[in-house]
């Protein structure tokens, strides 16, 4: 989680940070502390916008973009069906 925290301390509005490559909903279940958890918390606080870009079958690039101003608190769920 240190890399995302370091980036947040210097990021300017519009800056982007790739915080995960893979399939986040599955990968984050394998680790106790995951960058995705921190990214989700920052997004819920309105500090970043989260997007993803498909790289291939089951592979995505997960991106946090620094917001220029805080937006309302957001909620969502992540689920994976076999």
PDB file of N, CA and C in Angstrom:
ATOM      1  N   UNK A   1       0.804  -1.202   0.000  1.00  0.00           N
ATOM      2  CA  UNK A   1       0.000   0.000   0.000  1.00  0.00           C
ATOM      3  C   UNK A   1       0.845   1.263   0.000  1.00  0.00           C
ATOM      4  N   UNK A   2       2.089   1.113   0.252  1.00  0.00           N
ATOM      5  CA  UNK A   2       2.941   2.295   0.369  1.00  0.00           C
ATOM      6  C   UNK A   2       3.028   3.094  -0.926  1.00  0.00           C
ATOM      7  N   UNK A   3       3.052   2.431  -2.075  1.00  0.00           N
ATOM      8  CA  UNK A   3       3.194   3.146  -3.343  1.00  0.00           C
ATOM      9  C   UNK A   3       2.006   4.062  -3.600  1.00  0.00           C
ATOM     10  N   UNK A   4       0.808   3.596  -3.359  1.00  0.00           N
ATOM     11  CA  UNK A   4      -0.387   4.417  -3.573  1.00  0.00           C
ATOM     12  C   UNK A   4      -0.428   5.588  -2.587  1.00  0.00           C
ATOM     13  N   UNK A   5      -0.040   5.352  -1.351  1.00  0.00           N
ATOM     14  CA  UNK A   5       0.028   6.441  -0.368  1.00  0.00           C
ATOM     15  C   UNK A   5       1.047   7.497  -0.778  1.00  0.00           C
ATOM     16  N   UNK A   6       2.218   7.055  -1.243  1.00  0.00           N
ATOM     17  CA  UNK A   6       3.253   8.004  -1.688  1.00  0.00           C
ATOM     18  C   UNK A   6       2.740   8.830  -2.861  1.00  0.00           C
ATOM     19  N   UNK A   7       2.082   8.158  -3.811  1.00  0.00           N
ATOM     20  CA  UNK A   7       1.547   8.859  -4.973  1.00  0.00           C
ATOM     21  C   UNK A   7       0.510   9.896  -4.546  1.00  0.00           C
ATOM     22  N   UNK A   8      -0.374   9.532  -3.642  1.00  0.00           N
ATOM     23  CA  UNK A   8      -1.407  10.461  -3.179  1.00  0.00           C
ATOM     24  C   UNK A   8      -0.807  11.713  -2.549  1.00  0.00           C
ATOM     25  N   UNK A   9       0.329  11.579  -1.901  1.00  0.00           N
ATOM     26  CA  UNK A   9       0.930  12.730  -1.230  1.00  0.00           C
ATOM     27  C   UNK A   9       1.497  13.759  -2.208  1.00  0.00           C
ATOM     28  N   UNK A  10       1.732  13.357  -3.465  1.00  0.00           N
ATOM     29  CA  UNK A  10       2.301  14.281  -4.451  1.00  0.00           C
ATOM     30  C   UNK A  10       1.423  14.458  -5.690  1.00  0.00           C
ATOM     31  N   UNK A  11       0.371  13.654  -5.816  1.00  0.00           N
ATOM     32  CA  UNK A  11      -0.465  13.677  -7.018  1.00  0.00           C
ATOM     33  C   UNK A  11      -1.222  14.993  -7.152  1.00  0.00           C
ATOM     34  N   UNK A  12      -1.298  15.455  -8.369  1.00  0.00           N
ATOM     35  CA  UNK A  12      -2.069  16.650  -8.698  1.00  0.00           C
ATOM     36  C   UNK A  12      -3.325  16.216  -9.446  1.00  0.00           C
ATOM     37  N   UNK A  13      -4.357  17.036  -9.450  1.00  0.00           N
ATOM     38  CA  UNK A  13      -5.582  16.670 -10.163  1.00  0.00           C
ATOM     39  C   UNK A  13      -5.304  16.217 -11.595  1.00  0.00           C
ATOM     40  N   UNK A  14      -5.891  15.077 -11.949  1.00  0.00           N
ATOM     41  CA  UNK A  14      -5.701  14.515 -13.284  1.00  0.00           C
ATOM     42  C   UNK A  14      -4.584  13.488 -13.362  1.00  0.00           C
ATOM     43  N   UNK A  15      -3.681  13.461 -12.376  1.00  0.00           N
ATOM     44  CA  UNK A  15      -2.615  12.458 -12.365  1.00  0.00           C
ATOM     45  C   UNK A  15      -3.227  11.073 -12.215  1.00  0.00           C
ATOM     46  N   UNK A  16      -2.594  10.088 -12.864  1.00  0.00           N
ATOM     47  CA  UNK A  16      -3.098   8.718 -12.832  1.00  0.00           C
ATOM     48  C   UNK A  16      -2.066   7.774 -12.235  1.00  0.00           C
ATOM     49  N   UNK A  17      -2.556   6.725 -11.575  1.00  0.00           N
ATOM     50  CA  UNK A  17      -1.686   5.732 -10.935  1.00  0.00           C
ATOM     51  C   UNK A  17      -2.284   4.350 -11.164  1.00  0.00           C
ATOM     52  N   UNK A  18      -1.519   3.443 -11.760  1.00  0.00           N
ATOM     53  CA  UNK A  18      -1.962   2.063 -11.930  1.00  0.00           C
ATOM     54  C   UNK A  18      -1.666   1.333 -10.627  1.00  0.00           C
ATOM     55  N   UNK A  19      -2.721   0.960  -9.908  1.00  0.00           N
ATOM     56  CA  UNK A  19      -2.530   0.340  -8.609  1.00  0.00           C
ATOM     57  C   UNK A  19      -2.663  -1.179  -8.640  1.00  0.00           C
ATOM     58  N   UNK A  20      -3.099  -1.749  -9.757  1.00  0.00           N
ATOM     59  CA  UNK A  20      -3.178  -3.208  -9.853  1.00  0.00           C
ATOM     60  C   UNK A  20      -3.305  -3.630 -11.306  1.00  0.00           C
ATOM     61  N   UNK A  21      -2.683  -4.757 -11.627  1.00  0.00           N
ATOM     62  CA  UNK A  21      -2.872  -5.414 -12.918  1.00  0.00           C
ATOM     63  C   UNK A  21      -3.256  -6.849 -12.624  1.00  0.00           C
ATOM     64  N   UNK A  22      -4.356  -7.306 -13.203  1.00  0.00           N
ATOM     65  CA  UNK A  22      -4.865  -8.653 -12.960  1.00  0.00           C
ATOM     66  C   UNK A  22      -6.374  -8.626 -12.983  1.00  0.00           C
ATOM     67  N   UNK A  23      -6.993  -9.391 -12.075  1.00  0.00           N
ATOM     68  CA  UNK A  23      -8.451  -9.409 -11.934  1.00  0.00           C
ATOM     69  C   UNK A  23      -8.733  -9.100 -10.469  1.00  0.00           C
ATOM     70  N   UNK A  24      -8.985  -7.856 -10.174  1.00  0.00           N
ATOM     71  CA  UNK A  24      -8.993  -7.325  -8.816  1.00  0.00           C
ATOM     72  C   UNK A  24      -9.932  -8.064  -7.871  1.00  0.00           C
ATOM     73  N   UNK A  25     -11.153  -8.337  -8.297  1.00  0.00           N
ATOM     74  CA  UNK A  25     -12.119  -8.989  -7.395  1.00  0.00           C
ATOM     75  C   UNK A  25     -11.603 -10.333  -6.895  1.00  0.00           C
ATOM     76  N   UNK A  26     -10.876 -11.036  -7.713  1.00  0.00           N
ATOM     77  CA  UNK A  26     -10.321 -12.340  -7.323  1.00  0.00           C
ATOM     78  C   UNK A  26      -8.999 -12.151  -6.581  1.00  0.00           C
ATOM     79  N   UNK A  27      -8.127 -11.321  -7.106  1.00  0.00           N
ATOM     80  CA  UNK A  27      -6.793 -11.147  -6.540  1.00  0.00           C
ATOM     81  C   UNK A  27      -6.805 -10.573  -5.132  1.00  0.00           C
ATOM     82  N   UNK A  28      -7.713  -9.663  -4.837  1.00  0.00           N
ATOM     83  CA  UNK A  28      -7.723  -9.026  -3.516  1.00  0.00           C
ATOM     84  C   UNK A  28      -8.156 -10.001  -2.424  1.00  0.00           C
ATOM     85  N   UNK A  29      -8.824 -11.089  -2.770  1.00  0.00           N
ATOM     86  CA  UNK A  29      -9.232 -12.084  -1.785  1.00  0.00           C
ATOM     87  C   UNK A  29      -8.043 -12.929  -1.316  1.00  0.00           C
ATOM     88  N   UNK A  30      -6.954 -12.921  -2.078  1.00  0.00           N
ATOM     89  CA  UNK A  30      -5.780 -13.734  -1.759  1.00  0.00           C
ATOM     90  C   UNK A  30      -4.848 -13.066  -0.750  1.00  0.00           C
ATOM     91  N   UNK A  31      -4.992 -11.759  -0.571  1.00  0.00           N
ATOM     92  CA  UNK A  31      -4.082 -11.012   0.298  1.00  0.00           C
ATOM     93  C   UNK A  31      -4.850 -10.325   1.414  1.00  0.00           C
ATOM     94  N   UNK A  32      -4.228 -10.240   2.567  1.00  0.00           N
ATOM     95  CA  UNK A  32      -4.876  -9.579   3.707  1.00  0.00           C
ATOM     96  C   UNK A  32      -5.014  -8.070   3.475  1.00  0.00           C
ATOM     97  N   UNK A  33      -3.945  -7.448   3.004  1.00  0.00           N
ATOM     98  CA  UNK A  33      -3.961  -6.011   2.707  1.00  0.00           C
ATOM     99  C   UNK A  33      -3.642  -5.864   1.226  1.00  0.00           C
ATOM    100  N   UNK A  34      -4.492  -5.193   0.511  1.00  0.00           N
ATOM    101  CA  UNK A  34      -4.326  -5.069  -0.940  1.00  0.00           C
ATOM    102  C   UNK A  34      -4.485  -3.609  -1.341  1.00  0.00           C
ATOM    103  N   UNK A  35      -3.732  -3.196  -2.349  1.00  0.00           N
ATOM    104  CA  UNK A  35      -3.831  -1.818  -2.861  1.00  0.00           C
ATOM    105  C   UNK A  35      -5.266  -1.477  -3.252  1.00  0.00           C
ATOM    106  N   UNK A  36      -6.021  -2.475  -3.706  1.00  0.00           N
ATOM    107  CA  UNK A  36      -7.402  -2.241  -4.095  1.00  0.00           C
ATOM    108  C   UNK A  36      -8.256  -1.753  -2.941  1.00  0.00           C
ATOM    109  N   UNK A  37      -7.962  -2.230  -1.725  1.00  0.00           N
ATOM    110  CA  UNK A  37      -8.704  -1.779  -0.547  1.00  0.00           C
ATOM    111  C   UNK A  37      -8.458  -0.298  -0.286  1.00  0.00           C
ATOM    112  N   UNK A  38      -7.199   0.104  -0.381  1.00  0.00           N
ATOM    113  CA  UNK A  38      -6.855   1.517  -0.178  1.00  0.00           C
ATOM    114  C   UNK A  38      -7.464   2.372  -1.284  1.00  0.00           C
ATOM    115  N   UNK A  39      -7.366   1.924  -2.525  1.00  0.00           N
ATOM    116  CA  UNK A  39      -7.928   2.677  -3.645  1.00  0.00           C
ATOM    117  C   UNK A  39      -9.430   2.858  -3.472  1.00  0.00           C
ATOM    118  N   UNK A  40     -10.107   1.811  -3.041  1.00  0.00           N
ATOM    119  CA  UNK A  40     -11.548   1.896  -2.841  1.00  0.00           C
ATOM    120  C   UNK A  40     -11.891   2.896  -1.735  1.00  0.00           C
ATOM    121  N   UNK A  41     -11.114   2.901  -0.670  1.00  0.00           N
ATOM    122  CA  UNK A  41     -11.327   3.868   0.405  1.00  0.00           C
ATOM    123  C   UNK A  41     -11.121   5.296  -0.064  1.00  0.00           C
ATOM    124  N   UNK A  42     -10.101   5.528  -0.878  1.00  0.00           N
ATOM    125  CA  UNK A  42      -9.840   6.869  -1.420  1.00  0.00           C
ATOM    126  C   UNK A  42     -10.974   7.306  -2.346  1.00  0.00           C
ATOM    127  N   UNK A  43     -11.506   6.363  -3.111  1.00  0.00           N
ATOM    128  CA  UNK A  43     -12.620   6.684  -4.009  1.00  0.00           C
ATOM    129  C   UNK A  43     -13.884   6.995  -3.213  1.00  0.00           C
ATOM    130  N   UNK A  44     -14.129   6.217  -2.173  1.00  0.00           N
ATOM    131  CA  UNK A  44     -15.312   6.477  -1.337  1.00  0.00           C
ATOM    132  C   UNK A  44     -15.227   7.845  -0.663  1.00  0.00           C
ATOM    133  N   UNK A  45     -14.012   8.277  -0.379  1.00  0.00           N
ATOM    134  CA  UNK A  45     -13.810   9.599   0.225  1.00  0.00           C
ATOM    135  C   UNK A  45     -13.853  10.711  -0.821  1.00  0.00           C
ATOM    136  N   UNK A  46     -13.971  10.335  -2.100  1.00  0.00           N
ATOM    137  CA  UNK A  46     -14.052  11.328  -3.168  1.00  0.00           C
ATOM    138  C   UNK A  46     -12.723  11.900  -3.596  1.00  0.00           C
ATOM    139  N   UNK A  47     -11.607  11.244  -3.222  1.00  0.00           N
ATOM    140  CA  UNK A  47     -10.283  11.771  -3.540  1.00  0.00           C
ATOM    141  C   UNK A  47      -9.756  11.305  -4.887  1.00  0.00           C
ATOM    142  N   UNK A  48     -10.217  10.141  -5.351  1.00  0.00           N
ATOM    143  CA  UNK A  48      -9.799   9.612  -6.645  1.00  0.00           C
ATOM    144  C   UNK A  48     -11.012   9.053  -7.379  1.00  0.00           C
ATOM    145  N   UNK A  49     -10.888   8.949  -8.696  1.00  0.00           N
ATOM    146  CA  UNK A  49     -11.856   8.239  -9.529  1.00  0.00           C
ATOM    147  C   UNK A  49     -11.174   6.949  -9.963  1.00  0.00           C
ATOM    148  N   UNK A  50     -11.890   5.841  -9.902  1.00  0.00           N
ATOM    149  CA  UNK A  50     -11.321   4.549 -10.269  1.00  0.00           C
ATOM    150  C   UNK A  50     -11.859   4.100 -11.618  1.00  0.00           C
ATOM    151  N   UNK A  51     -10.943   3.683 -12.472  1.00  0.00           N
ATOM    152  CA  UNK A  51     -11.309   3.150 -13.787  1.00  0.00           C
ATOM    153  C   UNK A  51     -10.485   1.902 -14.042  1.00  0.00           C
ATOM    154  N   UNK A  52     -10.857   1.190 -15.089  1.00  0.00           N
ATOM    155  CA  UNK A  52     -10.084   0.005 -15.463  1.00  0.00           C
ATOM    156  C   UNK A  52      -9.999  -0.074 -16.974  1.00  0.00           C
ATOM    157  N   UNK A  53      -8.944  -0.735 -17.441  1.00  0.00           N
ATOM    158  CA  UNK A  53      -8.731  -0.922 -18.873  1.00  0.00           C
ATOM    159  C   UNK A  53      -8.448  -2.396 -19.100  1.00  0.00           C
ATOM    160  N   UNK A  54      -9.177  -3.002 -20.010  1.00  0.00           N
ATOM    161  CA  UNK A  54      -8.991  -4.426 -20.287  1.00  0.00           C
ATOM    162  C   UNK A  54      -7.699  -4.630 -21.062  1.00  0.00           C
ATOM    163  N   UNK A  55      -6.882  -5.561 -20.579  1.00  0.00           N
ATOM    164  CA  UNK A  55      -5.631  -5.892 -21.249  1.00  0.00           C
ATOM    165  C   UNK A  55      -5.750  -7.181 -22.039  1.00  0.00           C
ATOM    166  N   UNK A  56      -6.647  -8.057 -21.606  1.00  0.00           N
ATOM    167  CA  UNK A  56      -6.837  -9.352 -22.247  1.00  0.00           C
ATOM    168  C   UNK A  56      -7.850 -10.144 -21.450  1.00  0.00           C
ATOM    169  N   UNK A  57      -7.970 -11.396 -21.751  1.00  0.00           N
ATOM    170  CA  UNK A  57      -8.938 -12.253 -21.065  1.00  0.00           C
ATOM    171  C   UNK A  57      -8.618 -12.350 -19.576  1.00  0.00           C
ATOM    172  N   UNK A  58      -9.492 -11.792 -18.741  1.00  0.00           N
ATOM    173  CA  UNK A  58      -9.300 -11.841 -17.295  1.00  0.00           C
ATOM    174  C   UNK A  58      -8.173 -10.962 -16.767  1.00  0.00           C
ATOM    175  N   UNK A  59      -7.654 -10.085 -17.574  1.00  0.00           N
ATOM    176  CA  UNK A  59      -6.559  -9.196 -17.171  1.00  0.00           C
ATOM    177  C   UNK A  59      -6.970  -7.739 -17.384  1.00  0.00           C
ATOM    178  N   UNK A  60      -6.869  -6.967 -16.327  1.00  0.00           N
ATOM    179  CA  UNK A  60      -7.240  -5.560 -16.372  1.00  0.00           C
ATOM    180  C   UNK A  60      -6.161  -4.723 -15.703  1.00  0.00           C
ATOM    181  N   UNK A  61      -6.106  -3.471 -16.114  1.00  0.00           N
ATOM    182  CA  UNK A  61      -5.250  -2.473 -15.483  1.00  0.00           C
ATOM    183  C   UNK A  61      -6.181  -1.570 -14.689  1.00  0.00           C
ATOM    184  N   UNK A  62      -5.961  -1.473 -13.387  1.00  0.00           N
ATOM    185  CA  UNK A  62      -6.825  -0.678 -12.509  1.00  0.00           C
ATOM    186  C   UNK A  62      -6.135   0.644 -12.207  1.00  0.00           C
ATOM    187  N   UNK A  63      -6.848   1.741 -12.456  1.00  0.00           N
ATOM    188  CA  UNK A  63      -6.246   3.074 -12.441  1.00  0.00           C
ATOM    189  C   UNK A  63      -6.987   3.997 -11.475  1.00  0.00           C
ATOM    190  N   UNK A  64      -6.224   4.700 -10.657  1.00  0.00           N
ATOM    191  CA  UNK A  64      -6.765   5.747  -9.788  1.00  0.00           C
ATOM    192  C   UNK A  64      -6.373   7.086 -10.402  1.00  0.00           C
ATOM    193  N   UNK A  65      -7.340   7.976 -10.548  1.00  0.00           N
ATOM    194  CA  UNK A  65      -7.092   9.323 -11.078  1.00  0.00           C
ATOM    195  C   UNK A  65      -7.424  10.326  -9.989  1.00  0.00           C
ATOM    196  N   UNK A  66      -6.459  11.191  -9.661  1.00  0.00           N
ATOM    197  CA  UNK A  66      -6.633  12.182  -8.597  1.00  0.00           C
ATOM    198  C   UNK A  66      -7.704  13.179  -9.001  1.00  0.00           C
ATOM    199  N   UNK A  67      -8.657  13.409  -8.125  1.00  0.00           N
ATOM    200  CA  UNK A  67      -9.745  14.345  -8.383  1.00  0.00           C
ATOM    201  C   UNK A  67      -9.294  15.769  -8.044  1.00  0.00           C
ATOM    202  N   UNK A  68      -9.893  16.739  -8.717  1.00  0.00           N
ATOM    203  CA  UNK A  68      -9.546  18.136  -8.438  1.00  0.00           C
ATOM    204  C   UNK A  68     -10.232  18.642  -7.186  1.00  0.00           C
ATOM    205  N   UNK A  69     -11.377  18.063  -6.874  1.00  0.00           N
ATOM    206  CA  UNK A  69     -12.065  18.407  -5.639  1.00  0.00           C
ATOM    207  C   UNK A  69     -12.779  17.158  -5.144  1.00  0.00           C
ATOM    208  N   UNK A  70     -13.020  17.099  -3.884  1.00  0.00           N
ATOM    209  CA  UNK A  70     -13.663  15.945  -3.296  1.00  0.00           C
ATOM    210  C   UNK A  70     -15.100  15.834  -3.797  1.00  0.00           C
ATOM    211  N   UNK A  71     -15.487  14.617  -4.173  1.00  0.00           N
ATOM    212  CA  UNK A  71     -16.862  14.379  -4.617  1.00  0.00           C
ATOM    213  C   UNK A  71     -17.624  13.667  -3.500  1.00  0.00           C
ATOM    214  N   UNK A  72     -18.937  13.535  -3.618  1.00  0.00           N
ATOM    215  CA  UNK A  72     -19.721  12.883  -2.560  1.00  0.00           C
ATOM    216  C   UNK A  72     -19.254  11.456  -2.292  1.00  0.00           C
ATOM    217  N   UNK A  73     -19.509  10.977  -1.086  1.00  0.00           N
ATOM    218  CA  UNK A  73     -19.151   9.613  -0.739  1.00  0.00           C
ATOM    219  C   UNK A  73     -19.873   8.629  -1.653  1.00  0.00           C
ATOM    220  N   UNK A  74     -19.154   7.621  -2.091  1.00  0.00           N
ATOM    221  CA  UNK A  74     -19.687   6.635  -3.027  1.00  0.00           C
ATOM    222  C   UNK A  74     -19.682   5.258  -2.406  1.00  0.00           C
ATOM    223  N   UNK A  75     -20.583   4.396  -2.839  1.00  0.00           N
ATOM    224  CA  UNK A  75     -20.585   3.005  -2.410  1.00  0.00           C
ATOM    225  C   UNK A  75     -20.799   2.102  -3.621  1.00  0.00           C
ATOM    226  N   UNK A  76     -20.271   0.901  -3.548  1.00  0.00           N
ATOM    227  CA  UNK A  76     -20.462  -0.106  -4.581  1.00  0.00           C
ATOM    228  C   UNK A  76     -20.061  -1.452  -4.019  1.00  0.00           C
ATOM    229  N   UNK A  77     -20.340  -2.493  -4.782  1.00  0.00           N
ATOM    230  CA  UNK A  77     -19.948  -3.841  -4.387  1.00  0.00           C
ATOM    231  C   UNK A  77     -19.147  -4.479  -5.509  1.00  0.00           C
ATOM    232  N   UNK A  78     -18.394  -5.480  -5.149  1.00  0.00           N
ATOM    233  CA  UNK A  78     -17.583  -6.216  -6.120  1.00  0.00           C
ATOM    234  C   UNK A  78     -17.963  -7.681  -5.978  1.00  0.00           C
ATOM    235  N   UNK A  79     -18.375  -8.299  -7.077  1.00  0.00           N
ATOM    236  CA  UNK A  79     -18.726  -9.714  -7.010  1.00  0.00           C
ATOM    237  C   UNK A  79     -18.143 -10.430  -8.218  1.00  0.00           C
ATOM    238  N   UNK A  80     -17.951 -11.718  -8.062  1.00  0.00           N
ATOM    239  CA  UNK A  80     -17.386 -12.539  -9.129  1.00  0.00           C
ATOM    240  C   UNK A  80     -18.166 -13.839  -9.177  1.00  0.00           C
ATOM    241  N   UNK A  81     -18.714 -14.147 -10.330  1.00  0.00           N
ATOM    242  CA  UNK A  81     -19.432 -15.398 -10.529  1.00  0.00           C
ATOM    243  C   UNK A  81     -18.621 -16.282 -11.447  1.00  0.00           C
ATOM    244  N   UNK A  82     -18.456 -17.549 -11.053  1.00  0.00           N
ATOM    245  CA  UNK A  82     -17.710 -18.501 -11.913  1.00  0.00           C
ATOM    246  C   UNK A  82     -18.457 -18.782 -13.186  1.00  0.00           C
TER     247      UNK A  82
END
